[in-house]
Every structure is written in C-alpha cells, then in structure tokens.
Amino acid sequence: MSINFSAFLDSLTIMLSGMVGIFAVMLVLYAVIILLGKAFAPKK
C-alpha cells in the first residue's frame, strides 16, 4: 500500500479551509447570540 504524498497535501489544504469555515461560522453565531442577549436583556 502506498500513499500519494501530493494528494495527501492537497487534502490537507482542503481540510484546513473547511475547518476555518466552520470556525468562522461559529464566531458569527456566537456574536449574534451575544448581540441578541444585549438587545433583549430583561429590564430591571
């Protein structure tokens, strides 16, 4: 069994871009949750 090293490196770059995309979406969702929490905070 042999591994095509150039295909392996190509797959790493694709995987990295996917992980960065997931991280960006998580940050956006976190920011929206924080902003909604501040906008609709219960009044004292």
N, C-alpha and C. Protein backbone atom coordinates (compact mmCIF):
# COMPACT_ATOMS: atom_id res chain seq x y z
N MET A 1 0.85 -1.18 0.00
CA MET A 1 0.00 0.00 0.00
C MET A 1 0.89 1.24 0.00
N SER A 2 0.65 2.14 -0.93
CA SER A 2 1.45 3.36 -0.97
C SER A 2 0.53 4.58 -0.93
N ILE A 3 1.06 5.65 -0.37
CA ILE A 3 0.29 6.88 -0.23
C ILE A 3 0.82 7.90 -1.23
N ASN A 4 -0.10 8.49 -1.98
CA ASN A 4 0.26 9.56 -2.90
C ASN A 4 0.45 10.83 -2.07
N PHE A 5 1.71 11.24 -1.89
CA PHE A 5 2.01 12.33 -0.97
C PHE A 5 1.46 13.67 -1.45
N SER A 6 1.46 13.92 -2.74
CA SER A 6 0.95 15.20 -3.23
C SER A 6 -0.57 15.27 -3.05
N ALA A 7 -1.26 14.15 -3.22
CA ALA A 7 -2.71 14.14 -2.98
C ALA A 7 -2.99 14.32 -1.50
N PHE A 8 -2.15 13.78 -0.65
CA PHE A 8 -2.30 13.95 0.80
C PHE A 8 -2.16 15.42 1.18
N LEU A 9 -1.17 16.12 0.63
CA LEU A 9 -1.00 17.54 0.92
C LEU A 9 -2.16 18.37 0.39
N ASP A 10 -2.68 17.99 -0.79
CA ASP A 10 -3.85 18.70 -1.32
C ASP A 10 -5.05 18.52 -0.40
N SER A 11 -5.22 17.32 0.14
CA SER A 11 -6.36 17.08 1.03
C SER A 11 -6.20 17.87 2.33
N LEU A 12 -4.97 18.09 2.78
CA LEU A 12 -4.77 18.88 4.00
C LEU A 12 -5.19 20.32 3.80
N THR A 13 -4.89 20.89 2.64
CA THR A 13 -5.30 22.28 2.39
C THR A 13 -6.82 22.39 2.31
N ILE A 14 -7.48 21.40 1.71
CA ILE A 14 -8.94 21.41 1.63
C ILE A 14 -9.53 21.28 3.03
N MET A 15 -8.95 20.39 3.84
CA MET A 15 -9.44 20.20 5.21
C MET A 15 -9.23 21.47 6.03
N LEU A 16 -8.13 22.15 5.84
CA LEU A 16 -7.87 23.39 6.58
C LEU A 16 -8.90 24.46 6.22
N SER A 17 -9.20 24.59 4.94
CA SER A 17 -10.19 25.60 4.56
C SER A 17 -11.56 25.26 5.13
N GLY A 18 -11.90 23.99 5.20
CA GLY A 18 -13.17 23.60 5.81
C GLY A 18 -13.22 23.92 7.29
N MET A 19 -12.12 23.66 7.99
CA MET A 19 -12.09 23.94 9.43
C MET A 19 -12.14 25.44 9.70
N VAL A 20 -11.48 26.24 8.87
CA VAL A 20 -11.53 27.70 9.03
C VAL A 20 -12.96 28.19 8.79
N GLY A 21 -13.64 27.60 7.81
CA GLY A 21 -15.03 27.98 7.55
C GLY A 21 -15.94 27.66 8.71
N ILE A 22 -15.77 26.48 9.30
CA ILE A 22 -16.58 26.10 10.45
C ILE A 22 -16.30 27.04 11.62
N PHE A 23 -15.04 27.37 11.85
CA PHE A 23 -14.67 28.29 12.93
C PHE A 23 -15.29 29.66 12.72
N ALA A 24 -15.28 30.14 11.47
CA ALA A 24 -15.86 31.46 11.17
C ALA A 24 -17.36 31.47 11.43
N VAL A 25 -18.05 30.40 11.05
CA VAL A 25 -19.50 30.31 11.28
C VAL A 25 -19.79 30.28 12.77
N MET A 26 -18.97 29.56 13.53
CA MET A 26 -19.17 29.51 14.98
C MET A 26 -18.98 30.90 15.61
N LEU A 27 -17.99 31.66 15.13
CA LEU A 27 -17.78 33.01 15.65
C LEU A 27 -18.96 33.92 15.33
N VAL A 28 -19.50 33.81 14.12
CA VAL A 28 -20.65 34.62 13.74
C VAL A 28 -21.85 34.28 14.61
N LEU A 29 -22.11 33.00 14.82
CA LEU A 29 -23.23 32.60 15.66
C LEU A 29 -23.05 33.09 17.10
N TYR A 30 -21.83 33.01 17.60
CA TYR A 30 -21.55 33.49 18.96
C TYR A 30 -21.81 34.99 19.06
N ALA A 31 -21.37 35.75 18.06
CA ALA A 31 -21.57 37.20 18.07
C ALA A 31 -23.06 37.53 18.00
N VAL A 32 -23.84 36.80 17.20
CA VAL A 32 -25.28 37.05 17.11
C VAL A 32 -25.96 36.76 18.44
N ILE A 33 -25.56 35.67 19.10
CA ILE A 33 -26.15 35.33 20.39
C ILE A 33 -25.85 36.41 21.42
N ILE A 34 -24.61 36.90 21.44
CA ILE A 34 -24.24 37.95 22.39
C ILE A 34 -25.03 39.24 22.11
N LEU A 35 -25.12 39.61 20.84
CA LEU A 35 -25.86 40.84 20.49
C LEU A 35 -27.34 40.72 20.82
N LEU A 36 -27.94 39.57 20.55
CA LEU A 36 -29.35 39.38 20.90
C LEU A 36 -29.54 39.40 22.40
N GLY A 37 -28.60 38.86 23.15
CA GLY A 37 -28.69 38.90 24.60
C GLY A 37 -28.63 40.31 25.13
N LYS A 38 -27.82 41.15 24.52
CA LYS A 38 -27.73 42.54 24.95
C LYS A 38 -28.96 43.34 24.51
N ALA A 39 -29.49 43.04 23.33
CA ALA A 39 -30.63 43.80 22.80
C ALA A 39 -31.92 43.49 23.56
N PHE A 40 -32.08 42.24 23.97
CA PHE A 40 -33.32 41.84 24.62
C PHE A 40 -33.09 41.42 26.07
N ALA A 41 -32.18 42.10 26.74
CA ALA A 41 -31.91 41.80 28.15
C ALA A 41 -33.12 42.20 28.99
N PRO A 42 -33.42 41.42 30.01
CA PRO A 42 -34.56 41.79 30.86
C PRO A 42 -34.28 43.11 31.59
N LYS A 43 -35.29 43.95 31.61
CA LYS A 43 -35.14 45.25 32.25
C LYS A 43 -35.31 45.10 33.76
N LYS A 44 -34.54 45.86 34.50
CA LYS A 44 -34.62 45.78 35.97
C LYS A 44 -35.50 46.89 36.50
